[in-house]
Structures are given as structure tokens and as C-alpha cells.
C-alpha atoms as a PDB file:
ATOM      1  CA  MET A   1     -57.024 112.742 210.642  1.00  0.00           C
ATOM      2  CA  THR A   2     -58.683 111.822 213.740  1.00  0.00           C
ATOM      3  CA  ALA A   3     -57.619 108.056 212.987  1.00  0.00           C
ATOM      4  CA  ILE A   4     -53.868 109.205 212.196  1.00  0.00           C
ATOM      5  CA  ALA A   5     -53.852 111.099 215.235  1.00  0.00           C
ATOM      6  CA  MET A   6     -55.269 107.998 217.512  1.00  0.00           C
ATOM      7  CA  TRP A   7     -52.772 106.137 215.941  1.00  0.00           C
ATOM      8  CA  PHE A   8     -49.885 108.234 216.739  1.00  0.00           C
ATOM      9  CA  GLY A   9     -51.049 108.775 220.035  1.00  0.00           C
ATOM     10  CA  ARG A  10     -51.112 105.047 220.701  1.00  0.00           C
ATOM     11  CA  PHE A  11     -47.824 104.019 218.998  1.00  0.00           C
ATOM     12  CA  GLY A  12     -45.839 107.455 220.157  1.00  0.00           C
ATOM     13  CA  VAL A  13     -46.447 106.279 223.711  1.00  0.00           C
ATOM     14  CA  ILE A  14     -45.532 102.685 222.807  1.00  0.00           C
ATOM     15  CA  VAL A  15     -42.489 103.130 221.075  1.00  0.00           C
ATOM     16  CA  PRO A  16     -40.291 105.153 223.924  1.00  0.00           C
ATOM     17  CA  VAL A  17     -41.585 102.917 226.490  1.00  0.00           C
ATOM     18  CA  LEU A  18     -40.545  99.848 224.700  1.00  0.00           C
ATOM     19  CA  ALA A  19     -37.057 101.187 224.353  1.00  0.00           C
ATOM     20  CA  MET A  20     -36.843 102.156 227.721  1.00  0.00           C
ATOM     21  CA  ALA A  21     -37.871  98.602 228.815  1.00  0.00           C
ATOM     22  CA  GLY A  22     -35.255  97.406 226.479  1.00  0.00           C
ATOM     23  CA  SER A  23     -32.720  99.779 227.758  1.00  0.00           C
ATOM     24  CA  LEU A  24     -32.886  98.738 231.394  1.00  0.00           C
ATOM     25  CA  ALA A  25     -33.162  95.030 230.337  1.00  0.00           C
ATOM     26  CA  ALA A  26     -29.966  95.551 228.671  1.00  0.00           C
ATOM     27  CA  LYS A  27     -28.393  96.771 231.830  1.00  0.00           C
ATOM     28  CA  LYS A  28     -26.027  94.925 234.130  1.00  0.00           C
ATOM     29  CA  ARG A  29     -27.313  94.049 237.405  1.00  0.00           C
ATOM     30  CA  ILE A  30     -25.265  95.621 240.191  1.00  0.00           C
ATOM     31  CA  ALA A  31     -25.044  93.912 243.874  1.00  0.00           C
ATOM     32  CA  ALA A  32     -27.231  95.545 246.688  1.00  0.00           C
ATOM     33  CA  GLY A  33     -25.464  97.723 248.820  1.00  0.00           C
ATOM     34  CA  ALA A  34     -26.303  99.449 252.122  1.00  0.00           C
ATOM     35  CA  GLY A  35     -28.645 101.815 250.556  1.00  0.00           C
ATOM     36  CA  THR A  36     -30.613  99.210 248.849  1.00  0.00           C
ATOM     37  CA  MET A  37     -34.328  98.788 250.176  1.00  0.00           C
ATOM     38  CA  PRO A  38     -35.018  94.788 250.535  1.00  0.00           C
ATOM     39  CA  THR A  39     -38.263  94.009 248.850  1.00  0.00           C
ATOM     40  CA  HIS A  40     -38.892  90.875 250.666  1.00  0.00           C
ATOM     41  CA  GLY A  41     -39.566  92.200 254.265  1.00  0.00           C
ATOM     42  CA  PRO A  42     -42.706  93.543 255.916  1.00  0.00           C
ATOM     43  CA  LEU A  43     -41.643  96.923 255.966  1.00  0.00           C
ATOM     44  CA  PHE A  44     -41.698  96.808 251.884  1.00  0.00           C
ATOM     45  CA  VAL A  45     -45.349  95.173 252.323  1.00  0.00           C
ATOM     46  CA  VAL A  46     -46.142  98.166 254.657  1.00  0.00           C
ATOM     47  CA  LEU A  47     -45.164 101.059 252.662  1.00  0.00           C
ATOM     48  CA  LEU A  48     -46.337  99.509 249.436  1.00  0.00           C
ATOM     49  CA  ILE A  49     -49.947  98.938 251.019  1.00  0.00           C
ATOM     50  CA  GLY A  50     -49.983 102.211 252.264  1.00  0.00           C
ATOM     51  CA  THR A  51     -49.189 103.664 249.276  1.00  0.00           C
ATOM     52  CA  VAL A  52     -51.719 102.041 247.587  1.00  0.00           C
ATOM     53  CA  LEU A  53     -54.259 103.383 250.141  1.00  0.00           C
ATOM     54  CA  LEU A  54     -53.243 106.809 250.041  1.00  0.00           C
ATOM     55  CA  VAL A  55     -53.264 107.123 246.617  1.00  0.00           C
ATOM     56  CA  GLY A  56     -56.843 105.338 246.177  1.00  0.00           C
ATOM     57  CA  ALA A  57     -57.789 107.666 249.249  1.00  0.00           C
ATOM     58  CA  LEU A  58     -56.697 110.971 247.270  1.00  0.00           C
ATOM     59  CA  ASN A  59     -58.766 109.948 244.424  1.00  0.00           C
ATOM     60  CA  TYR A  60     -61.891 109.749 246.448  1.00  0.00           C
ATOM     61  CA  VAL A  61     -61.496 112.533 248.769  1.00  0.00           C
ATOM     62  CA  PRO A  62     -62.526 115.258 246.672  1.00  0.00           C
ATOM     63  CA  ALA A  63     -65.876 113.783 245.709  1.00  0.00           C
ATOM     64  CA  LEU A  64     -66.479 112.869 249.320  1.00  0.00           C
ATOM     65  CA  ALA A  65     -65.383 116.438 250.535  1.00  0.00           C
ATOM     66  CA  LEU A  66     -67.571 118.203 247.732  1.00  0.00           C
ATOM     67  CA  GLY A  67     -70.532 115.948 247.829  1.00  0.00           C
ATOM     68  CA  PRO A  68     -72.347 117.958 250.668  1.00  0.00           C
ATOM     69  CA  VAL A  69     -71.599 121.363 248.749  1.00  0.00           C
ATOM     70  CA  ILE A  70     -73.344 120.316 246.076  1.00  0.00           C
ATOM     71  CA  GLU A  71     -76.314 118.773 247.755  1.00  0.00           C
ATOM     72  CA  HIS A  72     -76.635 122.306 249.174  1.00  0.00           C
ATOM     73  CA  LEU A  73     -76.475 123.971 246.221  1.00  0.00           C
ATOM     74  CA  THR A  74     -79.188 121.537 244.377  1.00  0.00           C
ATOM     75  CA  LEU A  75     -81.467 122.273 247.502  1.00  0.00           C
ATOM     76  CA  PHE A  76     -81.407 126.140 246.678  1.00  0.00           C
ATOM     77  CA  ALA A  77     -81.589 125.520 242.883  1.00  0.00           C
ATOM     78  CA  ALA A  78     -84.953 123.421 242.779  1.00  0.00           C
ATOM     79  CA  HIS A  79     -86.867 126.306 244.831  1.00  0.00           C
END
């Protein structure tokens, strides 16, 4: 049963993602309008790098914030 669950868990995600990719690939391209953000300028690069750094920082901040608390608790637990 575990193997069947793993198989469905794997392909249960892959099939809808491939269906969405096929749907997006079949759409016709539209011309860029006034609200389209260009992806070849420095603003896009700065926003992309900022987003990557922000998401990366949010992954490590909880561990950095809880580190001193855990160390304090382990000092008192040893006595």
C-alpha cells in the first residue's frame, strides 16, 4: 500500500503540472502592454535578487532567533 501511495503521490502531482504546462504552451502570445513589466532591465534583476534574498532570509531567521533560547534552556537542563 505504501508503494501505491508513493506512486499516486508522485504521478498525482506530475500529471496536473504537465496539463497546466500544455495549456500554457497552447495559448497564443499577446503583445506587451502598458502594464507589462520588462524582464530585461535592471529593475527586474534587482526585484528578483531581492525576492530570492528575502525568501532565503525568512528560512533562516527562525532558527537564528530560537538558537539563543534553546541554548539557554539546555544550560539549565544540564544542572
